[in-house]
N, C-alpha and C. Protein backbone atom coordinates (compact mmCIF):
# COMPACT_ATOMS: atom_id res chain seq x y z
N MET A 1 92.44 96.94 135.06
CA MET A 1 92.48 97.51 133.71
C MET A 1 92.92 96.46 132.69
N GLY A 2 92.65 95.21 132.98
CA GLY A 2 92.92 94.16 132.02
C GLY A 2 94.39 93.91 131.74
N GLY A 3 95.28 94.28 132.66
CA GLY A 3 96.70 94.07 132.45
C GLY A 3 97.38 95.14 131.62
N PHE A 4 96.67 96.17 131.23
CA PHE A 4 97.26 97.25 130.45
C PHE A 4 97.79 98.35 131.36
N ASN A 5 98.68 99.13 130.84
CA ASN A 5 99.23 100.28 131.54
C ASN A 5 98.10 101.28 131.80
N LYS A 6 97.99 101.75 133.06
CA LYS A 6 96.87 102.64 133.43
C LYS A 6 96.90 103.95 132.65
N LEU A 7 98.09 104.53 132.50
CA LEU A 7 98.19 105.78 131.75
C LEU A 7 97.77 105.58 130.30
N ALA A 8 98.21 104.46 129.71
CA ALA A 8 97.85 104.17 128.31
C ALA A 8 96.34 104.02 128.15
N VAL A 9 95.69 103.37 129.09
CA VAL A 9 94.24 103.18 129.01
C VAL A 9 93.51 104.52 129.10
N HIS A 10 93.93 105.36 130.04
CA HIS A 10 93.30 106.67 130.17
C HIS A 10 93.53 107.53 128.94
N LEU A 11 94.73 107.49 128.40
CA LEU A 11 95.02 108.24 127.18
C LEU A 11 94.21 107.70 126.00
N PHE A 12 94.03 106.39 125.95
CA PHE A 12 93.24 105.77 124.88
C PHE A 12 91.82 106.32 124.90
N ILE A 13 91.22 106.38 126.06
CA ILE A 13 89.84 106.87 126.18
C ILE A 13 89.76 108.34 125.79
N MET A 14 90.71 109.14 126.28
CA MET A 14 90.71 110.56 125.95
C MET A 14 90.97 110.77 124.45
N TYR A 15 91.88 109.98 123.90
CA TYR A 15 92.23 110.08 122.49
C TYR A 15 91.02 109.82 121.60
N TRP A 16 90.24 108.79 121.94
CA TRP A 16 89.06 108.48 121.13
C TRP A 16 87.97 109.53 121.28
N ALA A 17 87.91 110.17 122.43
CA ALA A 17 86.96 111.28 122.59
C ALA A 17 87.33 112.42 121.66
N VAL A 18 88.63 112.68 121.54
CA VAL A 18 89.09 113.75 120.66
C VAL A 18 88.90 113.36 119.19
N LEU A 19 89.06 112.09 118.87
CA LEU A 19 88.89 111.64 117.48
C LEU A 19 87.45 111.79 116.98
N SER A 20 86.52 111.98 117.88
CA SER A 20 85.14 112.19 117.44
C SER A 20 85.01 113.46 116.61
N HIS A 21 85.97 114.34 116.69
CA HIS A 21 85.92 115.58 115.91
C HIS A 21 86.12 115.34 114.41
N ILE A 22 86.73 114.19 114.06
CA ILE A 22 86.92 113.90 112.63
C ILE A 22 86.20 112.63 112.19
N THR A 23 85.45 112.00 113.10
CA THR A 23 84.79 110.75 112.78
C THR A 23 83.31 110.98 112.49
N PRO A 24 82.85 110.66 111.25
CA PRO A 24 81.42 110.79 110.95
C PRO A 24 80.60 109.86 111.83
N PRO A 25 79.39 110.20 112.15
CA PRO A 25 78.58 111.32 111.71
C PRO A 25 78.73 112.57 112.59
N VAL A 26 79.47 112.49 113.69
CA VAL A 26 79.60 113.66 114.57
C VAL A 26 80.53 114.69 113.94
N CYS A 27 81.75 114.37 113.74
CA CYS A 27 82.84 115.14 113.08
C CYS A 27 82.65 116.66 113.04
N ILE A 28 82.55 117.24 114.21
CA ILE A 28 82.29 118.68 114.29
C ILE A 28 83.38 119.52 113.64
N ALA A 29 84.64 119.07 113.75
CA ALA A 29 85.74 119.82 113.12
C ALA A 29 85.63 119.75 111.60
N ALA A 30 85.26 118.59 111.08
CA ALA A 30 85.10 118.44 109.64
C ALA A 30 83.91 119.26 109.13
N PHE A 31 82.85 119.32 109.92
CA PHE A 31 81.70 120.15 109.53
C PHE A 31 82.07 121.62 109.49
N ALA A 32 82.87 122.05 110.46
CA ALA A 32 83.31 123.46 110.46
C ALA A 32 84.18 123.73 109.25
N ALA A 33 85.06 122.79 108.93
CA ALA A 33 85.92 122.96 107.76
C ALA A 33 85.09 122.95 106.48
N ALA A 34 84.06 122.13 106.43
CA ALA A 34 83.21 122.06 105.24
C ALA A 34 82.47 123.37 105.03
N SER A 35 82.03 124.00 106.11
CA SER A 35 81.33 125.27 105.95
C SER A 35 82.29 126.35 105.46
N LEU A 36 83.53 126.32 105.91
CA LEU A 36 84.52 127.29 105.42
C LEU A 36 84.86 127.05 103.96
N ALA A 37 84.95 125.77 103.59
CA ALA A 37 85.32 125.43 102.21
C ALA A 37 84.11 125.38 101.28
N GLU A 38 82.91 125.55 101.84
CA GLU A 38 81.67 125.46 101.08
C GLU A 38 81.57 124.13 100.33
N SER A 39 81.84 123.04 101.07
CA SER A 39 81.75 121.70 100.49
C SER A 39 80.72 120.88 101.27
N ASP A 40 80.45 119.68 100.78
CA ASP A 40 79.49 118.80 101.42
C ASP A 40 80.05 118.33 102.77
N PRO A 41 79.33 118.55 103.87
CA PRO A 41 79.85 118.19 105.19
C PRO A 41 80.17 116.71 105.37
N MET A 42 79.31 115.82 104.88
CA MET A 42 79.56 114.40 105.07
C MET A 42 80.75 113.92 104.24
N LYS A 43 80.88 114.41 103.01
CA LYS A 43 82.05 114.04 102.20
C LYS A 43 83.32 114.53 102.87
N THR A 44 83.28 115.73 103.42
CA THR A 44 84.43 116.27 104.13
C THR A 44 84.73 115.43 105.38
N GLY A 45 83.68 115.01 106.07
CA GLY A 45 83.86 114.16 107.24
C GLY A 45 84.50 112.83 106.91
N PHE A 46 84.05 112.19 105.83
CA PHE A 46 84.64 110.90 105.44
C PHE A 46 86.08 111.08 104.95
N GLN A 47 86.34 112.19 104.27
CA GLN A 47 87.72 112.46 103.84
C GLN A 47 88.61 112.70 105.06
N ALA A 48 88.10 113.40 106.06
CA ALA A 48 88.86 113.64 107.29
C ALA A 48 89.16 112.32 108.00
N ALA A 49 88.18 111.43 108.05
CA ALA A 49 88.39 110.12 108.68
C ALA A 49 89.42 109.31 107.90
N LYS A 50 89.36 109.39 106.57
CA LYS A 50 90.32 108.67 105.74
C LYS A 50 91.74 109.21 105.95
N LEU A 51 91.86 110.53 106.00
CA LEU A 51 93.17 111.13 106.22
C LEU A 51 93.67 110.88 107.64
N GLY A 52 92.75 110.69 108.57
CA GLY A 52 93.14 110.47 109.96
C GLY A 52 93.28 109.03 110.36
N ILE A 53 93.39 108.12 109.40
CA ILE A 53 93.48 106.69 109.72
C ILE A 53 94.64 106.40 110.66
N GLY A 54 95.72 107.12 110.51
CA GLY A 54 96.87 106.92 111.38
C GLY A 54 96.55 107.23 112.83
N PHE A 55 95.68 108.19 113.06
CA PHE A 55 95.30 108.54 114.43
C PHE A 55 94.51 107.40 115.08
N TYR A 56 93.67 106.73 114.29
CA TYR A 56 92.91 105.62 114.84
C TYR A 56 93.85 104.47 115.23
N VAL A 57 94.83 104.21 114.39
CA VAL A 57 95.77 103.12 114.64
C VAL A 57 96.68 103.46 115.82
N LEU A 58 97.10 104.71 115.92
CA LEU A 58 98.06 105.13 116.94
C LEU A 58 97.57 104.83 118.35
N SER A 59 96.30 105.03 118.60
CA SER A 59 95.79 104.79 119.96
C SER A 59 95.94 103.32 120.36
N PHE A 60 95.76 102.41 119.43
CA PHE A 60 95.94 100.99 119.74
C PHE A 60 97.40 100.66 119.93
N ILE A 61 98.27 101.36 119.21
CA ILE A 61 99.70 101.09 119.35
C ILE A 61 100.17 101.45 120.76
N PHE A 62 99.74 102.58 121.29
CA PHE A 62 100.25 102.89 122.62
C PHE A 62 99.57 102.10 123.74
N ILE A 63 98.46 101.46 123.45
CA ILE A 63 97.88 100.52 124.42
C ILE A 63 98.79 99.29 124.52
N PHE A 64 99.22 98.77 123.36
CA PHE A 64 100.02 97.55 123.35
C PHE A 64 101.52 97.81 123.49
N ASN A 65 101.96 99.05 123.27
CA ASN A 65 103.37 99.45 123.42
C ASN A 65 103.46 100.71 124.27
N PRO A 66 103.35 100.58 125.58
CA PRO A 66 103.39 101.78 126.42
C PRO A 66 104.70 102.55 126.30
N ALA A 67 105.71 101.97 125.72
CA ALA A 67 106.97 102.71 125.52
C ALA A 67 106.74 103.91 124.61
N LEU A 68 105.71 103.86 123.78
CA LEU A 68 105.41 104.98 122.89
C LEU A 68 104.97 106.23 123.67
N ILE A 69 104.44 106.03 124.86
CA ILE A 69 104.08 107.18 125.70
C ILE A 69 105.09 107.32 126.85
N LEU A 70 106.33 106.92 126.57
CA LEU A 70 107.47 107.06 127.48
C LEU A 70 107.29 106.26 128.76
N GLN A 71 106.68 105.09 128.66
CA GLN A 71 106.52 104.19 129.80
C GLN A 71 107.39 102.95 129.61
N GLY A 72 108.68 103.15 129.39
CA GLY A 72 109.59 102.02 129.19
C GLY A 72 111.02 102.51 129.04
N GLU A 73 111.89 101.58 128.68
CA GLU A 73 113.30 101.90 128.47
C GLU A 73 113.46 102.83 127.28
N ILE A 74 114.51 103.65 127.30
CA ILE A 74 114.74 104.61 126.22
C ILE A 74 115.00 103.92 124.89
N SER A 75 115.74 102.82 124.90
CA SER A 75 116.02 102.10 123.65
C SER A 75 114.73 101.53 123.05
N GLU A 76 113.88 101.00 123.92
CA GLU A 76 112.58 100.48 123.46
C GLU A 76 111.71 101.60 122.93
N THR A 77 111.73 102.75 123.60
CA THR A 77 110.94 103.90 123.17
C THR A 77 111.37 104.37 121.79
N ILE A 78 112.67 104.45 121.56
CA ILE A 78 113.18 104.88 120.25
C ILE A 78 112.78 103.88 119.17
N TRP A 79 112.94 102.59 119.44
CA TRP A 79 112.59 101.54 118.47
C TRP A 79 111.09 101.60 118.13
N ILE A 80 110.26 101.68 119.16
CA ILE A 80 108.81 101.72 118.95
C ILE A 80 108.42 102.98 118.18
N PHE A 81 109.04 104.11 118.51
CA PHE A 81 108.73 105.36 117.81
C PHE A 81 109.05 105.24 116.32
N VAL A 82 110.23 104.72 115.99
CA VAL A 82 110.63 104.58 114.58
C VAL A 82 109.70 103.61 113.85
N MET A 83 109.41 102.46 114.46
CA MET A 83 108.54 101.47 113.83
C MET A 83 107.12 102.01 113.67
N THR A 84 106.64 102.76 114.65
CA THR A 84 105.30 103.32 114.57
C THR A 84 105.21 104.37 113.46
N ALA A 85 106.22 105.24 113.38
CA ALA A 85 106.22 106.27 112.34
C ALA A 85 106.24 105.61 110.96
N LEU A 86 107.06 104.59 110.78
CA LEU A 86 107.13 103.89 109.50
C LEU A 86 105.81 103.17 109.21
N ALA A 87 105.23 102.53 110.21
CA ALA A 87 103.96 101.82 110.02
C ALA A 87 102.85 102.78 109.62
N LEU A 88 102.76 103.92 110.29
CA LEU A 88 101.71 104.88 109.97
C LEU A 88 101.92 105.46 108.57
N PHE A 89 103.17 105.66 108.19
CA PHE A 89 103.48 106.14 106.84
C PHE A 89 103.03 105.12 105.79
N LEU A 90 103.28 103.84 106.04
CA LEU A 90 102.88 102.78 105.10
C LEU A 90 101.36 102.65 105.02
N ILE A 91 100.69 102.69 106.16
CA ILE A 91 99.23 102.57 106.18
C ILE A 91 98.58 103.76 105.49
N ALA A 92 99.11 104.95 105.74
CA ALA A 92 98.57 106.15 105.07
C ALA A 92 98.79 106.06 103.56
N ALA A 93 99.95 105.56 103.14
CA ALA A 93 100.22 105.40 101.71
C ALA A 93 99.24 104.42 101.08
N ALA A 94 98.91 103.36 101.79
CA ALA A 94 97.95 102.37 101.27
C ALA A 94 96.58 103.00 101.08
N PHE A 95 96.16 103.84 102.01
CA PHE A 95 94.84 104.46 101.90
C PHE A 95 94.82 105.60 100.88
N GLU A 96 95.93 106.27 100.69
CA GLU A 96 95.98 107.40 99.76
C GLU A 96 96.43 106.99 98.35
N ARG A 97 96.80 105.74 98.17
CA ARG A 97 97.22 105.18 96.86
C ARG A 97 98.46 105.86 96.29
N TYR A 98 99.30 106.40 97.17
CA TYR A 98 100.52 107.07 96.71
C TYR A 98 101.60 106.88 97.77
N PHE A 99 102.81 106.59 97.31
CA PHE A 99 103.93 106.45 98.23
C PHE A 99 105.09 107.28 97.71
N TYR A 100 105.61 108.13 98.57
CA TYR A 100 106.70 109.02 98.21
C TYR A 100 107.90 108.20 97.73
N GLY A 101 108.45 108.55 96.61
CA GLY A 101 109.60 107.86 96.05
C GLY A 101 109.22 106.72 95.11
N VAL A 102 107.97 106.28 95.20
CA VAL A 102 107.49 105.19 94.35
C VAL A 102 106.46 105.73 93.36
N GLY A 103 105.57 106.58 93.84
CA GLY A 103 104.53 107.14 92.99
C GLY A 103 103.19 106.50 93.26
N GLU A 104 102.34 106.49 92.25
CA GLU A 104 100.99 105.93 92.35
C GLU A 104 101.08 104.43 92.64
N LEU A 105 100.27 103.95 93.58
CA LEU A 105 100.27 102.54 93.94
C LEU A 105 99.09 101.82 93.30
N ASN A 106 99.36 100.66 92.71
CA ASN A 106 98.26 99.84 92.22
C ASN A 106 97.67 99.06 93.39
N ILE A 107 96.69 98.23 93.14
CA ILE A 107 96.01 97.50 94.21
C ILE A 107 96.98 96.57 94.94
N PHE A 108 97.91 95.96 94.20
CA PHE A 108 98.90 95.08 94.82
C PHE A 108 99.79 95.88 95.78
N GLY A 109 100.24 97.03 95.35
CA GLY A 109 101.09 97.87 96.19
C GLY A 109 100.35 98.36 97.42
N ARG A 110 99.08 98.72 97.26
CA ARG A 110 98.29 99.19 98.39
C ARG A 110 98.11 98.08 99.43
N ILE A 111 97.77 96.89 98.98
CA ILE A 111 97.59 95.77 99.90
C ILE A 111 98.91 95.43 100.58
N ALA A 112 99.98 95.40 99.80
CA ALA A 112 101.29 95.07 100.36
C ALA A 112 101.73 96.10 101.40
N PHE A 113 101.57 97.38 101.11
CA PHE A 113 101.99 98.41 102.06
C PHE A 113 101.11 98.39 103.32
N PHE A 114 99.83 98.09 103.16
CA PHE A 114 98.96 97.99 104.33
C PHE A 114 99.40 96.82 105.22
N ILE A 115 99.67 95.67 104.61
CA ILE A 115 100.11 94.51 105.38
C ILE A 115 101.45 94.79 106.06
N LEU A 116 102.36 95.45 105.35
CA LEU A 116 103.65 95.80 105.95
C LEU A 116 103.46 96.74 107.13
N GLY A 117 102.56 97.70 107.00
CA GLY A 117 102.27 98.61 108.11
C GLY A 117 101.72 97.86 109.31
N VAL A 118 100.83 96.92 109.07
CA VAL A 118 100.26 96.12 110.16
C VAL A 118 101.35 95.27 110.81
N LEU A 119 102.25 94.71 110.02
CA LEU A 119 103.36 93.93 110.59
C LEU A 119 104.21 94.78 111.52
N LEU A 120 104.43 96.03 111.15
CA LEU A 120 105.25 96.91 111.99
C LEU A 120 104.50 97.38 113.23
N VAL A 121 103.17 97.33 113.21
CA VAL A 121 102.37 97.73 114.36
C VAL A 121 102.33 96.63 115.41
N ILE A 122 102.37 95.39 115.00
CA ILE A 122 102.30 94.26 115.94
C ILE A 122 103.49 94.36 116.90
N PRO A 123 103.22 94.30 118.21
CA PRO A 123 104.30 94.53 119.18
C PRO A 123 105.24 93.34 119.38
N GLU A 124 105.86 92.91 118.32
CA GLU A 124 106.84 91.83 118.36
C GLU A 124 108.05 92.22 117.53
N THR A 125 109.23 91.97 118.02
CA THR A 125 110.44 92.32 117.28
C THR A 125 110.54 91.49 116.00
N ASN A 126 110.11 90.23 116.04
CA ASN A 126 110.18 89.37 114.86
C ASN A 126 109.36 89.94 113.70
N THR A 127 108.15 90.39 114.00
CA THR A 127 107.32 90.94 112.92
C THR A 127 107.89 92.27 112.43
N ASP A 128 108.50 93.05 113.32
CA ASP A 128 109.13 94.30 112.90
C ASP A 128 110.27 94.02 111.92
N LEU A 129 111.12 93.06 112.27
CA LEU A 129 112.27 92.74 111.41
C LEU A 129 111.81 92.13 110.08
N PHE A 130 110.80 91.26 110.13
CA PHE A 130 110.26 90.67 108.91
C PHE A 130 109.67 91.75 108.01
N GLY A 131 108.88 92.64 108.61
CA GLY A 131 108.28 93.74 107.85
C GLY A 131 109.33 94.66 107.25
N LEU A 132 110.38 94.97 108.00
CA LEU A 132 111.46 95.81 107.47
C LEU A 132 112.17 95.14 106.31
N GLY A 133 112.41 93.83 106.45
CA GLY A 133 113.06 93.10 105.36
C GLY A 133 112.24 93.10 104.08
N ILE A 134 110.95 92.84 104.20
CA ILE A 134 110.07 92.85 103.04
C ILE A 134 109.98 94.26 102.45
N LEU A 135 109.93 95.29 103.31
CA LEU A 135 109.87 96.67 102.83
C LEU A 135 111.11 97.03 102.03
N ILE A 136 112.26 96.64 102.51
CA ILE A 136 113.51 96.90 101.78
C ILE A 136 113.49 96.17 100.44
N LEU A 137 113.02 94.93 100.43
CA LEU A 137 112.90 94.18 99.17
C LEU A 137 111.97 94.89 98.20
N PHE A 138 110.82 95.37 98.68
CA PHE A 138 109.88 96.11 97.82
C PHE A 138 110.52 97.36 97.25
N PHE A 139 111.23 98.11 98.09
CA PHE A 139 111.87 99.32 97.60
C PHE A 139 112.90 99.02 96.51
N VAL A 140 113.68 97.98 96.71
CA VAL A 140 114.66 97.59 95.69
C VAL A 140 113.95 97.23 94.40
N LEU A 141 112.87 96.44 94.50
CA LEU A 141 112.12 96.04 93.30
C LEU A 141 111.47 97.24 92.61
N PHE A 142 110.88 98.15 93.40
CA PHE A 142 110.27 99.35 92.82
C PHE A 142 111.31 100.23 92.13
N LYS A 143 112.47 100.39 92.77
CA LYS A 143 113.52 101.22 92.19
C LYS A 143 114.06 100.59 90.91
N ILE A 144 114.19 99.28 90.88
CA ILE A 144 114.63 98.59 89.66
C ILE A 144 113.61 98.80 88.55
N ALA A 145 112.33 98.66 88.89
CA ALA A 145 111.28 98.84 87.88
C ALA A 145 111.26 100.27 87.36
N ILE A 146 111.40 101.25 88.26
CA ILE A 146 111.40 102.65 87.84
C ILE A 146 112.63 102.95 86.98
N THR A 147 113.79 102.45 87.39
CA THR A 147 115.02 102.66 86.62
C THR A 147 114.90 102.02 85.25
N LYS A 148 114.32 100.83 85.18
CA LYS A 148 114.14 100.14 83.91
C LYS A 148 113.25 100.95 82.98
N LYS A 149 112.16 101.54 83.52
CA LYS A 149 111.28 102.37 82.70
C LYS A 149 112.02 103.58 82.16
N ILE A 150 112.83 104.21 83.00
CA ILE A 150 113.58 105.40 82.58
C ILE A 150 114.59 105.03 81.49
N ILE A 151 115.28 103.93 81.65
CA ILE A 151 116.26 103.48 80.65
C ILE A 151 115.56 103.15 79.34
N LEU A 152 114.44 102.41 79.41
CA LEU A 152 113.70 102.07 78.19
C LEU A 152 113.17 103.30 77.49
N LYS A 153 112.73 104.30 78.26
CA LYS A 153 112.23 105.53 77.68
C LYS A 153 113.38 106.29 77.00
N ALA A 154 114.55 106.32 77.64
CA ALA A 154 115.71 107.01 77.06
C ALA A 154 116.16 106.31 75.78
N ILE A 155 116.13 105.00 75.76
CA ILE A 155 116.51 104.23 74.56
C ILE A 155 115.54 104.52 73.42
N SER A 156 114.23 104.52 73.75
CA SER A 156 113.25 104.77 72.68
C SER A 156 113.34 106.21 72.15
N LEU A 157 113.71 107.16 72.99
CA LEU A 157 113.87 108.53 72.54
C LEU A 157 115.12 108.70 71.68
N SER A 158 116.19 107.97 72.05
CA SER A 158 117.44 108.11 71.29
C SER A 158 117.38 107.41 69.94
N SER A 159 116.48 106.42 69.78
CA SER A 159 116.38 105.72 68.51
C SER A 159 115.53 106.47 67.50
N LYS A 160 114.84 107.55 67.93
CA LYS A 160 113.99 108.30 67.02
C LYS A 160 114.78 109.27 66.20
């Protein structure tokens, strides 16, 4: 099996078979949803694939990190679970152009959050720590920018 965990490989194959339900052009689940919503089936299928981007990434994560499917030490499993959840959250935010606590993302924010998500997916502790450090820096910068806007808005309102 190419040096991979046997359970992870079998789950990967089964997982991708299940993902065909939201992947165009087959996307039978999206077609069923489109008929209920009376919308265009292909547009619904592509939207389903876009919303399910985390599912596509997740299967590769458990191939390279079998601890995610409980095939490792408990400390490693907890670390991988937290990093994976954060990575999928960042990647989803990049695709949806919105991040909770920050708001609408511009192209720079989308690219940055996607790269940070990829850094957290790579099965190396160094990239996880680097990605976390950059993410914390981004949050501090975003919060400073948001606070500055609020203060400037309050000042302009009080001077009227």
